[in-house]
């Protein structure tokens, strides 16, 4: 029985048919045909899969199909030609938006309150200080789908974060860790942006010189892909979507499911795979240069499990091939640590739930007038958050199952 998927190839109308030997069926071919049966702008396609010469009459093969926009699967136990339909290729931004909002409502229990127009606020930059936090949410566009996944698995409502900084001349800047030097003013995703002002006590502690020293030390370095995914995986149990956590052989299935997804992606995008998890898993094992299959074997040889390996917290002194690694929220929290906001527990900080830390203004009477100007919603976003922490090892062992994301008091 083969437990991990094997990449067999890419099917497209331009490369003819694809042939391979499976674990159950030894003679398999596949080819893709485009069509536009729905009359949509982008059309769809039919994937033909012909399987034959089975090892036995009781076996079957399971296949994972991936495109740049979706991952799905099917299984076959009869020797014949099968078809898999892609009714429409996804493309329109509005469709993405509705799809992502619908997913968050259904699977996360999220609610979306429509604020009255205009949906922008004329702010006064005099009311913004170094350390004020920007929570950014994208529902559509290039990163809309990924941020929807990020929200679902972690329970947060922000997919990107940034921090405000003033220089020695008082000029206001926004510091952030981003992908490929993208700029907010060139972003067509129409993001939702919430501004969380630092609490006056935190403002009094904020050391702008230390903040700029850290920010400039990271200037020009790549985005922190290495530690992004591992902030989602804090526990073996109650951390993965149903039905994985409900399975009677839970730990085995969780390890298999995560490793399977990683294996498929490792074949499709090997460069991204190295950035997203290969180097980080090597760090957790104390090894160097092992690829994903070797990492899985090494983990089992040590008597551990892949699922347990993923729960090991990131260490701040780990250096990767592109040096220090900081995702968007890790970058902000490193600045907060550099300026002393986490003292005296600065060595035990996790990056989940950054916007819920007890660093931000919690008195609505001190909020600027423009924060809720012309808005009939009872309270602005920044006054509805329940702040907590920071405490040592905060969130290191917290489950995060939707839709309630309940956390025990000892995590």
Protein backbone atom coordinates (compact mmCIF):
# COMPACT_ATOMS: atom_id res chain seq x y z
CA UNK A 1 0.00 0.00 0.00
CA UNK A 2 1.48 3.34 -1.07
CA UNK A 3 0.68 5.98 1.56
CA UNK A 4 2.23 9.08 0.00
CA UNK A 5 1.10 10.37 -3.40
CA UNK A 6 3.52 10.20 -6.31
CA UNK A 7 3.56 12.98 -8.89
CA UNK A 8 2.79 11.41 -12.26
CA UNK A 9 2.70 14.42 -14.56
CA UNK A 10 0.77 17.35 -15.99
CA UNK A 11 -2.24 16.91 -18.26
CA UNK A 12 -2.99 19.65 -20.78
CA UNK A 13 -4.36 19.80 -24.34
CA UNK A 14 -0.94 20.88 -25.57
CA UNK A 15 1.05 17.86 -24.38
CA UNK A 16 -1.18 15.00 -25.57
CA UNK A 17 -1.86 12.05 -23.30
CA UNK A 18 -0.07 11.16 -20.08
CA UNK A 19 0.82 7.55 -19.17
CA UNK A 20 1.93 6.00 -15.87
CA UNK A 21 1.85 2.88 -13.68
CA UNK A 22 -0.25 3.10 -10.53
CA UNK A 23 -0.25 1.17 -7.27
CA UNK A 24 -3.48 -0.66 -8.21
CA UNK A 25 -3.92 -0.15 -11.96
CA UNK A 26 -0.73 -0.77 -13.89
CA UNK A 27 -1.79 0.77 -17.22
CA UNK A 28 -3.14 4.34 -16.99
CA UNK A 29 -3.51 7.24 -19.40
CA UNK A 30 -4.97 10.72 -19.02
CA UNK A 31 -5.71 13.67 -21.29
CA UNK A 32 -7.46 17.01 -20.91
CA UNK A 33 -10.04 18.60 -23.20
CA UNK A 34 -11.18 22.21 -22.96
CA UNK A 35 -14.85 23.08 -23.36
CA UNK A 36 -17.27 25.89 -22.64
CA UNK A 37 -20.47 24.07 -21.80
CA UNK A 38 -21.57 26.78 -19.36
CA UNK A 39 -20.94 29.64 -21.76
CA UNK A 40 -18.77 31.39 -19.19
CA UNK A 41 -15.96 33.80 -19.96
CA UNK A 42 -13.22 31.31 -19.12
CA UNK A 43 -14.88 27.98 -19.96
CA UNK A 44 -14.01 24.66 -18.33
CA UNK A 45 -12.47 21.28 -19.08
CA UNK A 46 -12.86 17.51 -18.93
CA UNK A 47 -10.05 15.35 -17.59
CA UNK A 48 -10.19 11.84 -19.08
CA UNK A 49 -8.54 9.05 -17.09
CA UNK A 50 -8.40 5.50 -18.46
CA UNK A 51 -7.30 2.82 -15.98
CA UNK A 52 -6.72 -0.90 -16.64
CA UNK A 53 -4.72 -4.00 -15.63
CA UNK A 54 -5.59 -3.97 -11.94
CA UNK A 55 -3.36 -5.75 -9.44
CA UNK A 56 -6.47 -7.31 -7.87
CA UNK A 57 -10.24 -6.89 -8.03
CA UNK A 58 -10.30 -5.34 -4.53
CA UNK A 59 -7.73 -2.56 -4.97
CA UNK A 60 -8.23 1.06 -5.97
CA UNK A 61 -6.18 4.16 -6.77
CA UNK A 62 -6.80 7.61 -5.26
CA UNK A 63 -5.78 10.70 -7.22
CA UNK A 64 -5.24 14.31 -6.22
CA UNK A 65 -5.86 16.87 -8.99
CA UNK A 66 -4.41 20.34 -8.60
CA UNK A 67 -4.65 23.53 -10.66
CA UNK A 68 -3.38 26.99 -9.70
CA UNK A 69 -6.88 27.67 -8.32
CA UNK A 70 -8.05 24.47 -6.63
CA UNK A 71 -7.10 21.07 -5.26
CA UNK A 72 -9.54 18.15 -5.42
CA UNK A 73 -9.48 14.35 -5.55
CA UNK A 74 -11.22 11.21 -6.79
CA UNK A 75 -10.78 7.43 -6.58
CA UNK A 76 -11.14 4.60 -9.12
CA UNK A 77 -11.64 0.85 -8.65
CA UNK A 78 -13.16 -0.14 -12.01
CA UNK A 79 -11.11 -0.77 -15.17
CA UNK A 80 -12.54 1.71 -17.68
CA UNK A 81 -12.37 5.32 -18.81
CA UNK A 82 -13.38 7.85 -16.15
CA UNK A 83 -13.92 11.59 -16.47
CA UNK A 84 -13.48 14.44 -14.04
CA UNK A 85 -15.24 17.70 -14.81
CA UNK A 86 -13.97 21.23 -14.27
CA UNK A 87 -17.21 23.01 -15.15
CA UNK A 88 -15.71 26.49 -15.08
CA UNK A 89 -12.22 27.85 -14.65
CA UNK A 90 -12.28 30.45 -11.88
CA UNK A 91 -11.33 33.92 -12.93
CA UNK A 92 -13.58 36.85 -12.15
CA UNK A 93 -12.71 38.89 -9.08
CA UNK A 94 -16.34 39.24 -8.05
CA UNK A 95 -16.83 35.49 -8.21
CA UNK A 96 -13.73 35.03 -6.04
CA UNK A 97 -15.08 37.56 -3.56
CA UNK A 98 -18.49 35.89 -3.24
CA UNK A 99 -16.92 32.46 -3.07
CA UNK A 100 -14.48 33.45 -0.32
CA UNK A 101 -17.10 35.31 1.71
CA UNK A 102 -19.44 32.33 1.41
CA UNK A 103 -16.69 29.98 2.56
CA UNK A 104 -15.89 32.10 5.63
CA UNK A 105 -19.56 32.36 6.56
CA UNK A 106 -20.14 28.63 6.21
CA UNK A 107 -16.93 27.19 7.65
CA UNK A 108 -15.71 29.88 10.02
CA UNK A 109 -19.00 31.28 11.23
CA UNK A 110 -17.88 34.74 10.12
CA UNK A 111 -20.37 37.57 9.77
CA UNK A 112 -19.98 40.51 7.43
CA UNK A 113 -21.67 43.76 8.39
CA UNK A 114 -21.96 46.24 5.56
CA UNK A 115 -20.98 49.69 6.71
CA UNK A 116 -22.61 52.76 5.18
CA UNK A 117 -20.78 54.49 2.38
CA UNK A 118 -18.32 56.04 1.96
CA UNK A 119 -16.20 53.00 2.77
CA UNK A 120 -13.09 55.09 3.37
CA UNK A 121 -12.20 57.41 6.22
CA UNK A 122 -10.36 60.69 6.02
CA UNK A 123 -7.87 60.25 8.81
CA UNK A 124 -5.63 62.79 10.46
CA UNK A 125 -2.04 61.62 10.37
CA UNK A 126 -1.38 63.68 13.49
CA UNK A 127 -3.37 61.04 15.40
CA UNK A 128 -1.14 58.19 14.19
CA UNK A 129 1.96 57.24 16.16
CA UNK A 130 4.89 54.89 15.83
CA UNK A 131 3.75 51.40 16.71
CA UNK A 132 0.13 51.74 15.63
CA UNK A 133 -0.98 48.47 14.05
CA UNK A 134 -2.58 47.90 10.63
CA UNK A 135 -4.70 44.75 10.22
CA UNK A 136 -5.38 44.09 6.54
CA UNK A 137 -7.87 41.63 5.08
CA UNK A 138 -8.09 40.65 1.41
CA UNK A 139 -11.12 38.76 0.15
CA UNK A 140 -10.45 39.01 -3.59
CA UNK A 141 -7.49 39.36 -5.92
CA UNK A 142 -4.22 37.50 -6.07
CA UNK A 143 -4.06 36.68 -2.36
CA UNK A 144 -7.79 36.53 -1.59
CA UNK A 145 -8.01 32.74 -1.70
CA UNK A 146 -4.88 32.19 0.36
CA UNK A 147 -5.93 34.70 3.01
CA UNK A 148 -9.33 32.98 3.20
CA UNK A 149 -7.52 29.73 4.01
CA UNK A 150 -5.32 31.58 6.50
CA UNK A 151 -8.35 33.00 8.31
CA UNK A 152 -10.09 29.63 8.44
CA UNK A 153 -7.17 27.63 9.83
CA UNK A 154 -6.08 30.22 12.40
CA UNK A 155 -9.30 31.95 13.45
CA UNK A 156 -7.99 35.42 12.71
CA UNK A 157 -9.76 38.03 10.60
CA UNK A 158 -6.60 39.62 9.23
CA UNK A 159 -4.50 38.13 6.46
CA UNK A 160 -1.74 40.74 6.45
CA UNK A 161 -0.31 43.15 9.01
CA UNK A 162 1.88 46.25 9.05
CA UNK A 163 3.10 48.83 11.54
CA UNK A 164 3.31 52.63 11.49
CA UNK A 165 6.68 54.29 12.12
CA UNK A 166 7.72 57.92 12.30
CA UNK A 167 11.27 58.89 11.43
CA UNK A 168 13.46 61.46 13.18
CA UNK A 169 11.84 64.24 11.16
CA UNK A 170 8.32 63.14 12.06
CA UNK A 171 7.51 61.71 8.62
CA UNK A 172 5.05 58.81 8.77
CA UNK A 173 6.04 55.47 7.21
CA UNK A 174 4.43 52.04 7.03
CA UNK A 175 6.74 49.12 7.78
CA UNK A 176 5.79 45.66 6.56
CA UNK A 177 7.08 42.35 5.30
CA UNK A 178 5.57 41.71 1.87
CA UNK A 179 5.94 39.44 -1.13
CA UNK A 180 7.97 40.66 -4.12
CA UNK A 181 7.98 44.32 -3.05
CA UNK A 182 4.26 44.70 -3.72
CA UNK A 183 2.89 48.11 -2.84
CA UNK A 184 -0.42 48.82 -1.13
CA UNK A 185 -1.22 51.66 -3.51
CA UNK A 186 -0.95 49.24 -6.45
CA UNK A 187 -3.15 46.58 -4.86
CA UNK A 188 -6.38 45.95 -6.78
CA UNK A 189 -7.83 43.58 -4.16
CA UNK A 190 -9.82 46.36 -2.44
CA UNK A 191 -8.62 45.26 1.01
CA UNK A 192 -10.32 45.97 4.32
CA UNK A 193 -7.91 47.86 6.58
CA UNK A 194 -8.32 48.35 10.32
CA UNK A 195 -6.11 50.68 12.35
CA UNK A 196 -5.40 49.65 15.95
CA UNK A 197 -3.90 52.50 17.95
CA UNK A 198 -1.37 51.68 20.65
CA UNK A 199 -2.49 52.15 24.22
CA UNK A 200 -0.99 55.30 25.84
CA UNK A 201 1.03 53.12 28.24
CA UNK A 202 2.57 51.29 25.28
CA UNK A 203 3.26 54.55 23.45
CA UNK A 204 5.22 55.76 26.46
CA UNK A 205 7.46 52.66 26.25
CA UNK A 206 7.91 52.70 22.46
CA UNK A 207 11.56 53.31 21.50
CA UNK A 208 11.53 54.65 17.93
CA UNK A 209 15.31 54.35 17.57
CA UNK A 210 15.20 50.63 18.38
CA UNK A 211 12.26 50.15 16.02
CA UNK A 212 14.12 51.72 13.11
CA UNK A 213 17.27 49.73 13.85
CA UNK A 214 15.36 46.46 13.49
CA UNK A 215 13.36 47.63 10.46
CA UNK A 216 16.49 48.75 8.62
CA UNK A 217 18.26 45.47 9.47
CA UNK A 218 15.49 43.61 7.62
CA UNK A 219 15.25 45.99 4.67
CA UNK A 220 15.58 44.12 1.37
CA UNK A 221 15.36 40.64 2.88
CA UNK A 222 12.86 38.12 1.41
CA UNK A 223 9.43 37.54 2.89
CA UNK A 224 9.37 35.08 5.80
CA UNK A 225 7.77 32.10 4.12
CA UNK A 226 9.81 29.74 6.29
CA UNK A 227 7.87 30.40 9.50
CA UNK A 228 4.45 31.37 8.18
CA UNK A 229 2.70 27.98 8.09
CA UNK A 230 4.07 26.82 11.42
CA UNK A 231 2.19 29.53 13.30
CA UNK A 232 -0.99 27.66 12.33
CA UNK A 233 0.05 24.26 13.69
CA UNK A 234 0.28 24.35 17.48
CA UNK A 235 -1.22 20.99 18.43
CA UNK A 236 -1.66 17.53 16.96
CA UNK A 237 -5.28 17.34 18.08
CA UNK A 238 -8.04 19.86 17.38
CA UNK A 239 -5.95 21.78 14.87
CA UNK A 240 -6.92 20.33 11.50
CA UNK A 241 -10.24 20.56 9.67
CA UNK A 242 -12.94 17.92 9.94
CA UNK A 243 -12.98 14.97 9.35
CA UNK A 244 -9.30 14.52 10.14
CA UNK A 245 -9.61 15.25 13.86
CA UNK A 246 -12.60 12.91 14.17
CA UNK A 247 -10.82 9.88 12.75
CA UNK A 248 -10.14 6.96 15.07
CA UNK A 249 -6.52 6.82 13.91
CA UNK A 250 -6.18 10.54 14.19
CA UNK A 251 -2.45 11.05 14.46
CA UNK A 252 -1.70 8.77 11.54
CA UNK A 253 -4.30 10.41 9.31
CA UNK A 254 -3.23 13.95 10.22
CA UNK A 255 0.39 13.14 9.41
CA UNK A 256 -0.64 11.48 6.16
CA UNK A 257 -2.95 14.30 5.09
CA UNK A 258 -0.46 17.10 5.73
CA UNK A 259 2.43 15.16 4.25
CA UNK A 260 0.33 14.31 1.18
CA UNK A 261 -0.54 17.94 0.50
CA UNK A 262 3.09 18.92 0.96
CA UNK A 263 4.25 16.11 -1.33
CA UNK A 264 1.96 17.20 -4.17
CA UNK A 265 3.05 20.82 -3.81
CA UNK A 266 6.68 19.72 -3.59
CA UNK A 267 6.34 18.32 -7.12
CA UNK A 268 4.31 21.20 -8.55
CA UNK A 269 6.32 24.07 -7.06
CA UNK A 270 9.65 22.79 -5.68
CA UNK A 271 11.04 26.28 -5.09
CA UNK A 272 8.00 27.34 -3.08
CA UNK A 273 8.10 24.06 -1.17
CA UNK A 274 11.69 24.70 -0.10
CA UNK A 275 10.71 28.17 1.10
CA UNK A 276 7.47 27.14 2.80
CA UNK A 277 8.52 24.06 4.75
CA UNK A 278 11.62 22.10 3.70
CA UNK A 279 14.17 24.35 5.39
CA UNK A 280 11.91 24.93 8.40
CA UNK A 281 11.37 21.19 8.95
CA UNK A 282 15.13 20.64 8.69
CA UNK A 283 15.54 23.21 11.46
CA UNK A 284 13.07 21.33 13.64
CA UNK A 285 14.96 18.07 13.11
CA UNK A 286 18.42 19.61 13.40
CA UNK A 287 19.28 18.41 9.88
CA UNK A 288 20.39 20.20 6.72
CA UNK A 289 19.47 19.79 3.08
CA UNK A 290 16.97 16.92 3.41
CA UNK A 291 14.05 16.98 0.99
CA UNK A 292 10.49 16.21 2.08
CA UNK A 293 10.53 12.40 1.61
CA UNK A 294 13.85 12.15 3.47
CA UNK A 295 12.51 14.36 6.25
CA UNK A 296 9.50 12.07 6.69
CA UNK A 297 11.75 9.00 6.84
CA UNK A 298 14.11 10.68 9.32
CA UNK A 299 11.19 11.65 11.56
CA UNK A 300 9.86 8.08 11.64
CA UNK A 301 13.35 6.68 12.31
CA UNK A 302 13.54 8.88 15.41
CA UNK A 303 10.29 7.41 16.70
CA UNK A 304 8.37 10.64 16.27
CA UNK A 305 5.52 11.65 13.95
CA UNK A 306 5.27 14.21 11.20
CA UNK A 307 2.27 15.82 12.91
CA UNK A 308 4.24 16.27 16.14
CA UNK A 309 7.19 17.71 14.25
CA UNK A 310 5.02 20.47 12.81
CA UNK A 311 4.04 21.70 16.29
CA UNK A 312 7.61 22.63 17.31
CA UNK A 313 7.67 26.45 17.76
CA UNK A 314 9.89 28.63 15.60
CA UNK A 315 13.10 29.79 17.29
CA UNK A 316 14.18 33.40 16.80
CA UNK A 317 17.85 32.53 16.31
CA UNK A 318 17.26 30.20 13.34
CA UNK A 319 19.03 31.43 10.20
CA UNK A 320 17.81 30.21 6.81
CA UNK A 321 19.53 30.21 3.42
CA UNK A 322 18.23 33.75 2.91
CA UNK A 323 19.09 34.69 6.52
CA UNK A 324 16.50 35.82 9.09
CA UNK A 325 12.91 34.95 8.23
CA UNK A 326 9.99 37.18 9.21
CA UNK A 327 6.44 36.88 7.93
CA UNK A 328 4.30 40.02 8.03
CA UNK A 329 3.13 39.59 11.62
CA UNK A 330 6.50 38.28 12.81
CA UNK A 331 8.07 41.48 11.46
CA UNK A 332 5.65 43.64 13.45
CA UNK A 333 6.09 41.64 16.65
CA UNK A 334 9.88 41.71 16.31
CA UNK A 335 9.62 45.50 16.26
CA UNK A 336 7.41 45.40 19.36
CA UNK A 337 9.99 43.20 21.05
CA UNK A 338 12.88 45.44 19.98
CA UNK A 339 11.22 48.50 21.53
CA UNK A 340 10.49 46.71 24.81
CA UNK A 341 6.74 46.11 24.68
CA UNK A 342 7.16 42.44 25.57
CA UNK A 343 9.60 42.90 28.44
CA UNK A 344 10.35 40.87 30.50
CA UNK A 345 9.09 37.85 28.49
CA UNK A 346 10.53 38.73 25.08
CA UNK A 347 12.01 35.26 24.50
CA UNK A 348 8.67 33.46 24.55
CA UNK A 349 6.46 35.15 21.97
CA UNK A 350 4.34 33.42 19.34
CA UNK A 351 2.91 35.22 16.33
CA UNK A 352 -0.71 34.08 16.44
CA UNK A 353 -3.42 36.58 17.40
CA UNK A 354 -1.15 39.62 17.27
CA UNK A 355 -4.12 41.96 16.99
CA UNK A 356 -5.57 40.64 20.28
CA UNK A 357 -2.56 41.50 22.44
CA UNK A 358 -3.18 43.87 25.32
CA UNK A 359 -1.15 46.56 23.58
CA UNK A 360 -3.91 48.54 21.92
CA UNK A 361 -6.37 51.24 22.88
CA UNK A 362 -9.39 49.81 24.69
CA UNK A 363 -11.11 53.04 25.71
CA UNK A 364 -13.44 54.20 22.95
CA UNK A 365 -13.61 57.71 24.43
CA UNK A 366 -9.94 58.20 23.54
CA UNK A 367 -10.36 57.15 19.90
CA UNK A 368 -10.11 59.92 17.28
CA UNK A 369 -13.42 61.28 16.02
CA UNK A 370 -12.73 60.06 12.49
CA UNK A 371 -12.47 56.47 13.76
CA UNK A 372 -16.26 56.15 13.75
CA UNK A 373 -17.26 59.18 11.73
CA UNK A 374 -20.52 58.66 9.81
CA UNK A 375 -20.73 55.00 10.86
CA UNK A 376 -23.91 53.75 12.54
CA UNK A 377 -22.30 50.45 13.59
CA UNK A 378 -22.36 50.45 17.39
CA UNK A 379 -18.61 50.19 17.93
CA UNK A 380 -15.61 50.43 15.60
CA UNK A 381 -13.51 47.35 14.97
CA UNK A 382 -10.73 48.52 17.27
CA UNK A 383 -13.06 48.74 20.26
CA UNK A 384 -14.72 45.34 19.77
CA UNK A 385 -11.58 43.21 20.17
CA UNK A 386 -11.06 41.28 23.39
CA UNK A 387 -7.43 41.90 24.31
CA UNK A 388 -5.30 39.45 26.29
CA UNK A 389 -1.71 38.64 27.19
CA UNK A 390 1.10 38.71 26.54
CA UNK A 391 2.15 35.76 28.70
CA UNK A 392 5.11 33.36 28.40
CA UNK A 393 4.64 30.69 25.71
CA UNK A 394 1.37 32.32 24.68
CA UNK A 395 -0.60 30.19 22.18
CA UNK A 396 2.14 27.57 21.81
CA UNK A 397 -0.25 24.69 22.57
CA UNK A 398 -3.64 26.11 21.59
CA UNK A 399 -6.08 24.20 19.38
CA UNK A 400 -7.76 26.19 16.63
CA UNK A 401 -10.84 24.42 15.31
CA UNK A 402 -13.53 26.39 13.51
CA UNK A 403 -16.05 27.79 13.94
CA UNK A 404 -15.58 28.79 17.61
CA UNK A 405 -11.78 28.37 17.96
CA UNK A 406 -12.16 27.62 21.66
CA UNK A 407 -8.94 27.77 23.67
CA UNK A 408 -8.40 26.11 27.04
CA UNK A 409 -7.17 28.38 29.82
CA UNK A 410 -3.81 26.61 30.10
CA UNK A 411 -2.63 27.10 26.50
